[in-house]
Protein backbone atom coordinates (compact mmCIF):
# COMPACT_ATOMS: atom_id res chain seq x y z
CA UNK A 1 70.11 -13.82 54.74
CA UNK A 2 69.90 -17.41 55.98
CA UNK A 3 70.32 -16.16 59.54
CA UNK A 4 67.62 -13.58 58.93
CA UNK A 5 65.23 -16.22 57.72
CA UNK A 6 65.96 -18.44 60.70
CA UNK A 7 65.38 -15.64 63.17
CA UNK A 8 62.34 -14.43 61.22
CA UNK A 9 60.82 -17.89 61.40
CA UNK A 10 60.94 -17.65 65.18
CA UNK A 11 59.17 -14.31 65.33
CA UNK A 12 55.89 -15.90 66.37
CA UNK A 13 57.49 -18.47 68.67
CA UNK A 14 57.00 -16.60 71.96
CA UNK A 15 53.26 -16.69 71.40
CA UNK A 16 51.17 -19.55 72.73
CA UNK A 17 50.57 -22.22 70.10
CA UNK A 18 47.16 -22.02 68.50
CA UNK A 19 44.98 -24.47 66.67
CA UNK A 20 46.08 -25.07 63.08
CA UNK A 21 43.52 -26.16 60.56
CA UNK A 22 44.77 -29.19 58.58
CA UNK A 23 43.35 -30.49 55.31
CA UNK A 24 42.10 -33.63 57.05
CA UNK A 25 40.25 -31.62 59.69
CA UNK A 26 38.85 -29.28 57.05
CA UNK A 27 37.52 -32.10 54.89
CA UNK A 28 35.93 -33.81 57.89
CA UNK A 29 34.30 -30.56 58.95
CA UNK A 30 32.92 -29.97 55.44
CA UNK A 31 31.58 -33.54 55.25
CA UNK A 32 29.90 -33.19 58.65
CA UNK A 33 28.36 -29.86 57.64
CA UNK A 34 26.97 -31.31 54.39
CA UNK A 35 25.40 -34.21 56.30
CA UNK A 36 23.93 -31.78 58.85
CA UNK A 37 22.44 -29.58 56.11
CA UNK A 38 20.99 -32.65 54.41
CA UNK A 39 19.33 -33.79 57.64
CA UNK A 40 17.91 -30.31 58.24
CA UNK A 41 16.62 -30.15 54.66
CA UNK A 42 14.78 -33.46 55.06
CA UNK A 43 13.30 -32.43 58.41
CA UNK A 44 12.17 -28.94 57.38
CA UNK A 45 11.55 -29.30 53.64
CA UNK A 46 13.63 -26.17 52.98
CA UNK A 47 15.22 -27.44 49.76
CA UNK A 48 16.96 -24.14 49.04
CA UNK A 49 19.54 -24.63 51.78
CA UNK A 50 21.55 -26.99 49.54
CA UNK A 51 20.24 -26.10 46.08
CA UNK A 52 22.56 -25.38 43.19
CA UNK A 53 21.12 -21.90 42.79
CA UNK A 54 21.83 -21.02 46.42
CA UNK A 55 25.38 -22.36 46.23
CA UNK A 56 26.09 -20.50 42.99
CA UNK A 57 24.72 -17.29 44.48
CA UNK A 58 26.73 -17.87 47.66
CA UNK A 59 29.97 -18.03 45.66
CA UNK A 60 29.13 -14.79 43.88
CA UNK A 61 28.34 -13.08 47.17
CA UNK A 62 31.40 -14.50 48.93
CA UNK A 63 33.99 -13.40 46.36
CA UNK A 64 33.87 -9.62 47.08
CA UNK A 65 33.99 -10.32 50.83
CA UNK A 66 36.91 -12.72 50.36
CA UNK A 67 38.83 -10.19 48.25
CA UNK A 68 38.29 -7.46 50.83
CA UNK A 69 39.37 -9.85 53.57
CA UNK A 70 42.42 -10.91 51.57
CA UNK A 71 43.32 -7.26 51.18
CA UNK A 72 43.06 -6.81 54.93
CA UNK A 73 45.23 -9.90 55.44
CA UNK A 74 48.07 -8.55 53.30
CA UNK A 75 48.09 -5.19 55.06
CA UNK A 76 47.76 -6.47 58.61
CA UNK A 77 50.36 -9.19 58.18
CA UNK A 78 52.74 -6.31 57.47
CA UNK A 79 51.52 -4.45 60.56
CA UNK A 80 49.15 -1.92 58.94
CA UNK A 81 45.51 -1.92 60.01
CA UNK A 82 43.34 -1.28 56.96
CA UNK A 83 39.76 -0.32 57.73
CA UNK A 84 39.79 1.69 54.52
CA UNK A 85 38.90 -1.47 52.57
CA UNK A 86 35.37 -0.20 52.01
CA UNK A 87 36.61 2.98 50.35
CA UNK A 88 39.08 1.02 48.21
CA UNK A 89 36.25 -1.28 47.14
CA UNK A 90 34.21 1.78 46.14
CA UNK A 91 37.08 2.96 43.95
CA UNK A 92 37.26 -0.52 42.43
CA UNK A 93 33.55 -0.56 41.61
CA UNK A 94 33.64 2.81 39.88
CA UNK A 95 36.88 2.46 37.96
CA UNK A 96 35.98 -1.10 36.99
CA UNK A 97 32.66 0.09 35.57
CA UNK A 98 34.18 3.11 33.84
CA UNK A 99 36.90 1.15 32.04
CA UNK A 100 34.52 -1.71 31.22
CA UNK A 101 32.16 0.75 29.50
CA UNK A 102 34.87 2.96 28.00
CA UNK A 103 36.77 0.12 26.33
CA UNK A 104 33.76 -2.21 25.92
CA UNK A 105 35.87 -4.90 27.60
CA UNK A 106 35.14 -6.29 31.07
CA UNK A 107 38.76 -7.36 31.61
CA UNK A 108 39.85 -3.74 31.09
CA UNK A 109 37.41 -2.98 33.90
CA UNK A 110 39.03 -5.63 36.10
CA UNK A 111 42.47 -4.08 35.56
CA UNK A 112 41.11 -0.59 36.23
CA UNK A 113 39.41 -1.81 39.39
CA UNK A 114 42.71 -3.25 40.59
CA UNK A 115 44.48 0.03 39.86
CA UNK A 116 41.75 2.12 41.52
CA UNK A 117 41.93 0.08 44.69
CA UNK A 118 45.75 0.11 44.61
CA UNK A 119 45.72 3.93 44.46
CA UNK A 120 43.58 3.94 47.60
CA UNK A 121 46.08 1.54 49.20
CA UNK A 122 48.97 3.78 48.16
CA UNK A 123 47.34 6.78 49.86
CA UNK A 124 46.80 4.72 53.01
CA UNK A 125 50.44 3.58 52.96
CA UNK A 126 51.65 7.14 52.42
CA UNK A 127 49.69 8.35 55.43
CA UNK A 128 50.44 5.48 57.81
CA UNK A 129 53.93 4.36 56.83
CA UNK A 130 55.60 7.59 55.72
CA UNK A 131 53.81 10.20 57.83
CA UNK A 132 52.90 8.01 60.82
CA UNK A 133 49.18 8.86 60.80
CA UNK A 134 47.05 6.70 63.07
CA UNK A 135 45.91 3.71 61.02
CA UNK A 136 42.26 3.98 62.03
CA UNK A 137 42.07 7.69 61.21
CA UNK A 138 43.68 7.12 57.82
CA UNK A 139 41.32 4.23 57.07
CA UNK A 140 38.26 6.33 57.90
CA UNK A 141 39.60 9.10 55.68
CA UNK A 142 40.05 6.64 52.80
CA UNK A 143 36.43 5.49 53.21
CA UNK A 144 35.18 9.08 53.09
CA UNK A 145 37.45 9.86 50.13
CA UNK A 146 36.29 6.78 48.21
CA UNK A 147 32.65 7.76 48.65
CA UNK A 148 33.23 11.37 47.68
CA UNK A 149 35.41 10.61 44.66
CA UNK A 150 33.02 8.03 43.19
CA UNK A 151 30.00 10.30 43.68
CA UNK A 152 31.78 13.20 41.99
CA UNK A 153 33.09 11.14 39.09
CA UNK A 154 29.68 9.54 38.49
CA UNK A 155 28.03 12.95 38.16
CA UNK A 156 30.75 14.19 35.85
CA UNK A 157 31.13 11.15 33.58
CA UNK A 158 28.12 8.84 33.70
CA UNK A 159 25.51 11.60 33.52
CA UNK A 160 24.36 11.92 29.93
CA UNK A 161 25.58 8.49 28.86
CA UNK A 162 22.92 6.18 27.47
CA UNK A 163 21.73 4.05 30.36
CA UNK A 164 23.85 6.00 32.84
CA UNK A 165 23.10 8.69 35.39
CA UNK A 166 24.34 10.50 38.47
CA UNK A 167 24.31 7.34 40.56
CA UNK A 168 24.84 4.57 38.03
CA UNK A 169 26.83 3.59 34.97
CA UNK A 170 25.63 2.24 31.63
CA UNK A 171 25.51 -1.58 31.43
CA UNK A 172 28.95 -3.23 31.48
CA UNK A 173 29.87 -6.09 29.12
CA UNK A 174 29.83 -9.39 31.00
CA UNK A 175 32.64 -11.85 31.68
CA UNK A 176 32.33 -15.35 30.24
CA UNK A 177 30.89 -18.06 32.49
CA UNK A 178 32.13 -21.61 32.24
CA UNK A 179 30.89 -25.04 33.33
CA UNK A 180 32.38 -28.48 33.58
CA UNK A 181 31.08 -30.22 30.46
CA UNK A 182 28.36 -32.83 30.77
CA UNK A 183 27.53 -32.44 34.46
CA UNK A 184 24.67 -29.91 34.53
CA UNK A 185 21.92 -32.24 33.30
CA UNK A 186 22.70 -35.27 35.50
CA UNK A 187 23.31 -33.18 38.60
CA UNK A 188 20.15 -31.13 38.06
CA UNK A 189 18.09 -34.31 37.64
CA UNK A 190 19.54 -35.84 40.80
CA UNK A 191 19.02 -32.65 42.77
CA UNK A 192 15.31 -32.51 41.90
CA UNK A 193 14.72 -35.99 43.35
CA UNK A 194 15.48 -34.70 46.87
CA UNK A 195 17.28 -37.90 47.92
CA UNK A 196 18.97 -37.67 51.30
CA UNK A 197 22.60 -36.55 50.93
CA UNK A 198 22.89 -37.49 47.24
CA UNK A 199 20.63 -34.65 46.08
CA UNK A 200 22.38 -32.26 48.44
CA UNK A 201 25.78 -33.20 47.06
CA UNK A 202 24.42 -32.78 43.53
CA UNK A 203 23.13 -29.30 44.35
CA UNK A 204 26.40 -28.25 45.93
CA UNK A 205 28.48 -29.56 43.03
CA UNK A 206 26.17 -27.92 40.48
CA UNK A 207 26.55 -24.60 42.29
CA UNK A 208 30.32 -24.92 42.31
CA UNK A 209 30.94 -26.11 38.75
CA UNK A 210 28.11 -24.80 36.57
CA UNK A 211 27.90 -21.22 35.20
CA UNK A 212 30.89 -19.92 37.14
CA UNK A 213 32.44 -16.63 36.04
CA UNK A 214 36.09 -16.71 34.96
CA UNK A 215 36.74 -13.81 37.34
CA UNK A 216 35.35 -15.95 40.18
CA UNK A 217 37.92 -18.62 39.36
CA UNK A 218 40.71 -16.03 39.29
CA UNK A 219 39.61 -14.60 42.64
CA UNK A 220 39.43 -18.04 44.28
CA UNK A 221 42.93 -18.91 43.03
CA UNK A 222 44.29 -15.74 44.65
CA UNK A 223 43.61 -17.24 48.09
CA UNK A 224 46.04 -20.23 47.85
CA UNK A 225 48.43 -18.02 45.88
CA UNK A 226 48.51 -15.53 48.75
CA UNK A 227 49.11 -18.36 51.21
CA UNK A 228 52.03 -19.60 49.13
CA UNK A 229 53.58 -16.14 48.77
CA UNK A 230 53.17 -15.14 52.42
CA UNK A 231 53.99 -18.46 54.09
CA UNK A 232 56.23 -20.33 51.66
CA UNK A 233 58.61 -17.71 50.29
CA UNK A 234 61.41 -15.58 51.73
CA UNK A 235 59.54 -12.49 50.52
CA UNK A 236 56.48 -13.47 52.55
CA UNK A 237 58.61 -14.21 55.61
CA UNK A 238 60.17 -10.75 55.47
CA UNK A 239 56.76 -9.14 54.97
CA UNK A 240 55.25 -10.97 57.95
CA UNK A 241 58.28 -10.09 60.08
CA UNK A 242 57.36 -6.43 59.54
CA UNK A 243 54.02 -7.12 61.20
CA UNK A 244 55.52 -9.06 64.09
CA UNK A 245 58.80 -7.39 65.06
CA UNK A 246 59.72 -4.62 62.64
CA UNK A 247 62.71 -3.50 64.74
CA UNK A 248 64.19 -7.00 64.64
CA UNK A 249 63.43 -7.24 60.92
CA UNK A 250 65.24 -3.95 60.26
CA UNK A 251 68.26 -5.15 62.25
CA UNK A 252 68.45 -8.12 59.87
CA UNK A 253 68.50 -5.89 56.80
CA UNK A 254 64.79 -5.92 55.89
CA UNK A 255 63.55 -2.64 54.39
CA UNK A 256 60.46 -2.37 56.58
CA UNK A 257 59.02 0.66 54.79
CA UNK A 258 59.26 -1.05 51.39
CA UNK A 259 57.50 -4.19 52.54
CA UNK A 260 54.76 -2.25 54.28
CA UNK A 261 54.17 -0.20 51.12
CA UNK A 262 54.01 -3.34 48.98
CA UNK A 263 51.59 -5.01 51.38
CA UNK A 264 49.20 -2.06 51.62
CA UNK A 265 49.19 -1.41 47.87
CA UNK A 266 48.44 -5.10 47.24
CA UNK A 267 45.77 -4.83 49.93
CA UNK A 268 44.09 -1.99 48.06
CA UNK A 269 44.35 -3.87 44.76
CA UNK A 270 42.62 -6.91 46.27
CA UNK A 271 39.82 -4.75 47.65
CA UNK A 272 39.56 -2.99 44.29
CA UNK A 273 39.23 -6.38 42.58
CA UNK A 274 36.35 -7.19 44.93
CA UNK A 275 34.72 -3.90 43.98
CA UNK A 276 35.20 -4.55 40.26
CA UNK A 277 33.60 -7.96 40.75
CA UNK A 278 30.53 -6.28 42.25
CA UNK A 279 30.02 -3.91 39.34
CA UNK A 280 31.08 -6.17 36.45
CA UNK A 281 30.04 -9.69 37.48
CA UNK A 282 27.53 -9.44 40.32
CA UNK A 283 25.30 -6.74 38.82
CA UNK A 284 26.66 -5.80 35.38
CA UNK A 285 26.36 -2.13 36.27
CA UNK A 286 27.83 0.36 38.73
CA UNK A 287 25.44 1.74 41.32
CA UNK A 288 26.24 4.14 44.10
CA UNK A 289 26.51 2.37 47.45
CA UNK A 290 26.68 -1.13 45.99
CA UNK A 291 29.56 -2.15 48.27
CA UNK A 292 27.00 -2.02 51.13
CA UNK A 293 29.56 -2.52 53.90
CA UNK A 294 31.25 -5.54 52.32
CA UNK A 295 34.65 -4.06 53.06
CA UNK A 296 33.87 -4.19 56.76
CA UNK A 297 32.39 -7.69 56.50
CA UNK A 298 35.58 -8.74 54.69
CA UNK A 299 37.55 -7.37 57.62
CA UNK A 300 35.37 -9.45 59.94
CA UNK A 301 36.00 -12.54 57.77
CA UNK A 302 39.73 -11.94 58.06
CA UNK A 303 39.51 -11.70 61.86
CA UNK A 304 37.28 -14.79 61.98
CA UNK A 305 39.93 -16.59 59.94
CA UNK A 306 42.62 -15.62 62.47
CA UNK A 307 44.59 -13.62 59.90
CA UNK A 308 45.11 -16.69 57.71
CA UNK A 309 43.85 -17.30 54.12
CA UNK A 310 42.07 -20.61 54.80
CA UNK A 311 40.06 -19.30 57.72
CA UNK A 312 39.35 -16.12 55.80
CA UNK A 313 37.92 -18.14 52.91
CA UNK A 314 35.71 -20.10 55.32
CA UNK A 315 34.45 -16.88 56.89
CA UNK A 316 33.69 -15.32 53.49
CA UNK A 317 31.88 -18.50 52.40
CA UNK A 318 29.78 -18.43 55.57
CA UNK A 319 28.76 -14.81 55.09
CA UNK A 320 28.10 -15.35 51.39
CA UNK A 321 25.98 -18.42 52.10
CA UNK A 322 23.78 -16.71 54.69
CA UNK A 323 23.33 -13.74 52.36
CA UNK A 324 22.39 -16.03 49.45
CA UNK A 325 19.99 -17.98 51.64
CA UNK A 326 18.06 -14.93 52.72
CA UNK A 327 17.91 -13.65 49.14
CA UNK A 328 16.75 -16.90 47.51
CA UNK A 329 14.99 -18.87 50.23
CA UNK A 330 13.57 -16.06 52.33
CA UNK A 331 12.08 -16.67 55.75
CA UNK A 332 11.54 -20.43 55.35
CA UNK A 333 15.18 -21.23 54.58
CA UNK A 334 16.52 -18.90 57.27
CA UNK A 335 14.07 -20.48 59.71
CA UNK A 336 15.50 -23.93 58.84
CA UNK A 337 18.97 -22.52 59.36
CA UNK A 338 18.07 -21.95 63.01
CA UNK A 339 18.31 -25.71 63.56
CA UNK A 340 21.83 -25.66 62.16
CA UNK A 341 22.67 -22.87 64.60
CA UNK A 342 21.25 -24.94 67.47
CA UNK A 343 23.41 -27.95 66.59
CA UNK A 344 26.53 -25.81 66.24
CA UNK A 345 25.89 -24.07 69.56
CA UNK A 346 25.41 -27.43 71.28
CA UNK A 347 28.74 -28.55 69.79
CA UNK A 348 30.38 -25.39 71.13
CA UNK A 349 28.82 -26.07 74.54
CA UNK A 350 30.22 -29.60 74.67
CA UNK A 351 33.63 -28.46 73.42
CA UNK A 352 33.90 -25.70 76.03
CA UNK A 353 32.67 -28.05 78.77
CA UNK A 354 35.34 -30.63 77.97
CA UNK A 355 37.94 -27.89 78.38
CA UNK A 356 36.50 -26.93 81.78
CA UNK A 357 35.40 -23.52 80.55
CA UNK A 358 32.17 -23.29 82.48
CA UNK A 359 31.12 -19.75 81.63
CA UNK A 360 31.51 -19.98 77.80
CA UNK A 361 29.83 -23.41 77.89
CA UNK A 362 26.90 -22.02 79.86
CA UNK A 363 26.49 -19.04 77.53
CA UNK A 364 26.55 -21.24 74.41
CA UNK A 365 24.09 -23.68 76.03
CA UNK A 366 21.65 -20.91 76.94
CA UNK A 367 21.90 -19.47 73.43
CA UNK A 368 21.20 -22.92 71.94
CA UNK A 369 18.11 -23.31 74.13
CA UNK A 370 16.79 -19.86 73.22
CA UNK A 371 17.28 -20.43 69.48
CA UNK A 372 15.58 -23.83 69.72
CA UNK A 373 12.59 -22.35 71.57
CA UNK A 374 12.29 -19.61 68.96
CA UNK A 375 12.38 -22.22 66.19
CA UNK A 376 9.65 -24.32 67.83
CA UNK A 377 7.24 -21.43 68.43
CA UNK A 378 7.58 -19.89 64.94
CA UNK A 379 6.96 -21.11 61.40
CA UNK A 380 8.99 -18.56 59.48
CA UNK A 381 11.31 -15.61 59.96
CA UNK A 382 10.12 -12.01 59.41
CA UNK A 383 11.53 -10.39 56.28
CA UNK A 384 13.20 -7.64 58.30
CA UNK A 385 15.15 -10.29 60.26
CA UNK A 386 16.17 -12.27 57.18
CA UNK A 387 17.75 -9.16 55.69
CA UNK A 388 19.78 -8.76 58.87
CA UNK A 389 20.92 -12.41 58.88
CA UNK A 390 24.41 -11.91 57.30
CA UNK A 391 25.24 -9.14 59.77
CA UNK A 392 23.97 -11.21 62.70
CA UNK A 393 26.12 -14.13 61.59
CA UNK A 394 29.09 -11.75 61.47
CA UNK A 395 28.55 -10.81 65.12
CA UNK A 396 27.99 -14.42 66.24
CA UNK A 397 31.04 -15.94 64.59
CA UNK A 398 33.30 -13.17 65.82
CA UNK A 399 32.05 -13.58 69.38
CA UNK A 400 32.52 -17.37 69.24
CA UNK A 401 35.96 -17.07 67.64
CA UNK A 402 37.24 -14.29 69.90
CA UNK A 403 39.00 -16.62 72.34
CA UNK A 404 41.34 -18.13 69.75
CA UNK A 405 42.34 -15.00 67.84
CA UNK A 406 45.98 -14.09 67.46
CA UNK A 407 46.66 -10.89 65.54
CA UNK A 408 50.18 -9.94 64.34
CA UNK A 409 52.11 -8.57 67.29
CA UNK A 410 52.88 -5.17 65.73
CA UNK A 411 49.56 -4.76 63.92
CA UNK A 412 48.51 -1.12 64.05
CA UNK A 413 51.73 -0.01 65.72
CA UNK A 414 53.23 3.12 64.15
CA UNK A 415 56.80 2.30 63.12
CA UNK A 416 59.61 4.80 62.57
CA UNK A 417 62.84 3.78 60.92
CA UNK A 418 65.73 3.40 63.35
CA UNK A 419 63.62 3.05 66.49
CA UNK A 420 64.96 0.70 69.15
CA UNK A 421 61.82 -0.63 70.82
């Protein structure tokens, strides 16, 4: 298999080299962003943009998106497009709530959510891998099935339960939250003083390390674990080869069908975990429609992250942060965020100009000017616009990231065993 691994490692070689995010670059980018947010906070007085409450809420809102995106990553790295993540998340929310209530144990709900999502993934794998159904059609069918199944089961099981009904479950026991000992008081005191940079760092650290659900920690650890499995093991190399050149992988003895099945089932389980998080941790109750398109936003986060775990996590954090900001800070905080957008667009303009890309530079420059004018002539953002902020950010980051995307070569391609091309 040594030869197989060597050849498999070269599967992506014919493609043009793309930018790789290093730890040094990532840390510098995070430091620059924190300084920028601190400056904006001082200028605008919008203290919520770096508050501990906003950061804690952002993590809670980012986790379901990250799990859906991670599910998409597993499937698409094996060559199976999975737009059925939303339906798998729905199954995770319902089964997580049902088991959490039935066994009076939230961790039983987590396991049931994983299984519910994995069943959705298994159906998607059966349709796409075994029967060769178009991946998009199968994904849409899974979304419809997830909605129909959860609506039916809610009416049959939750109706008549104390606190339950046709569209919601009874309250679910909560999962323990933990904090780093001895840091809440000092960080909270420093945050309230609104000192440039120091208070912002205190707010961010308090949001990250105070009152964090154990399930949040588990979900976050799944991101580096997935990176290790997919990029640092022979198993992951074989799985990724199925998404790049399945014919070549089969010629080297890789069971392409098996690896695609594993990837799509794991994909469904990850999405189901995100759904279970929504019902058990985020709200403590199942409600119909509570996924609210997060499966699709997770797919967008995966694309923004260029089909890699680190970029996916950054995309999920961005979407979670904008969602938390509009929920906690309202129009004032989102209005302050416009200045951040202006600075980032100016940076994109300069970057594109230095690469002699006149048209993208001009577009980014015009957008920066328009956003700046809007900021100067307004004092706040209408409520209707703030609610749309996360979706708008989704569109913006995808449009700005489109030029550097590199999807797996055989992603979405229907594969039949024994084919020669």
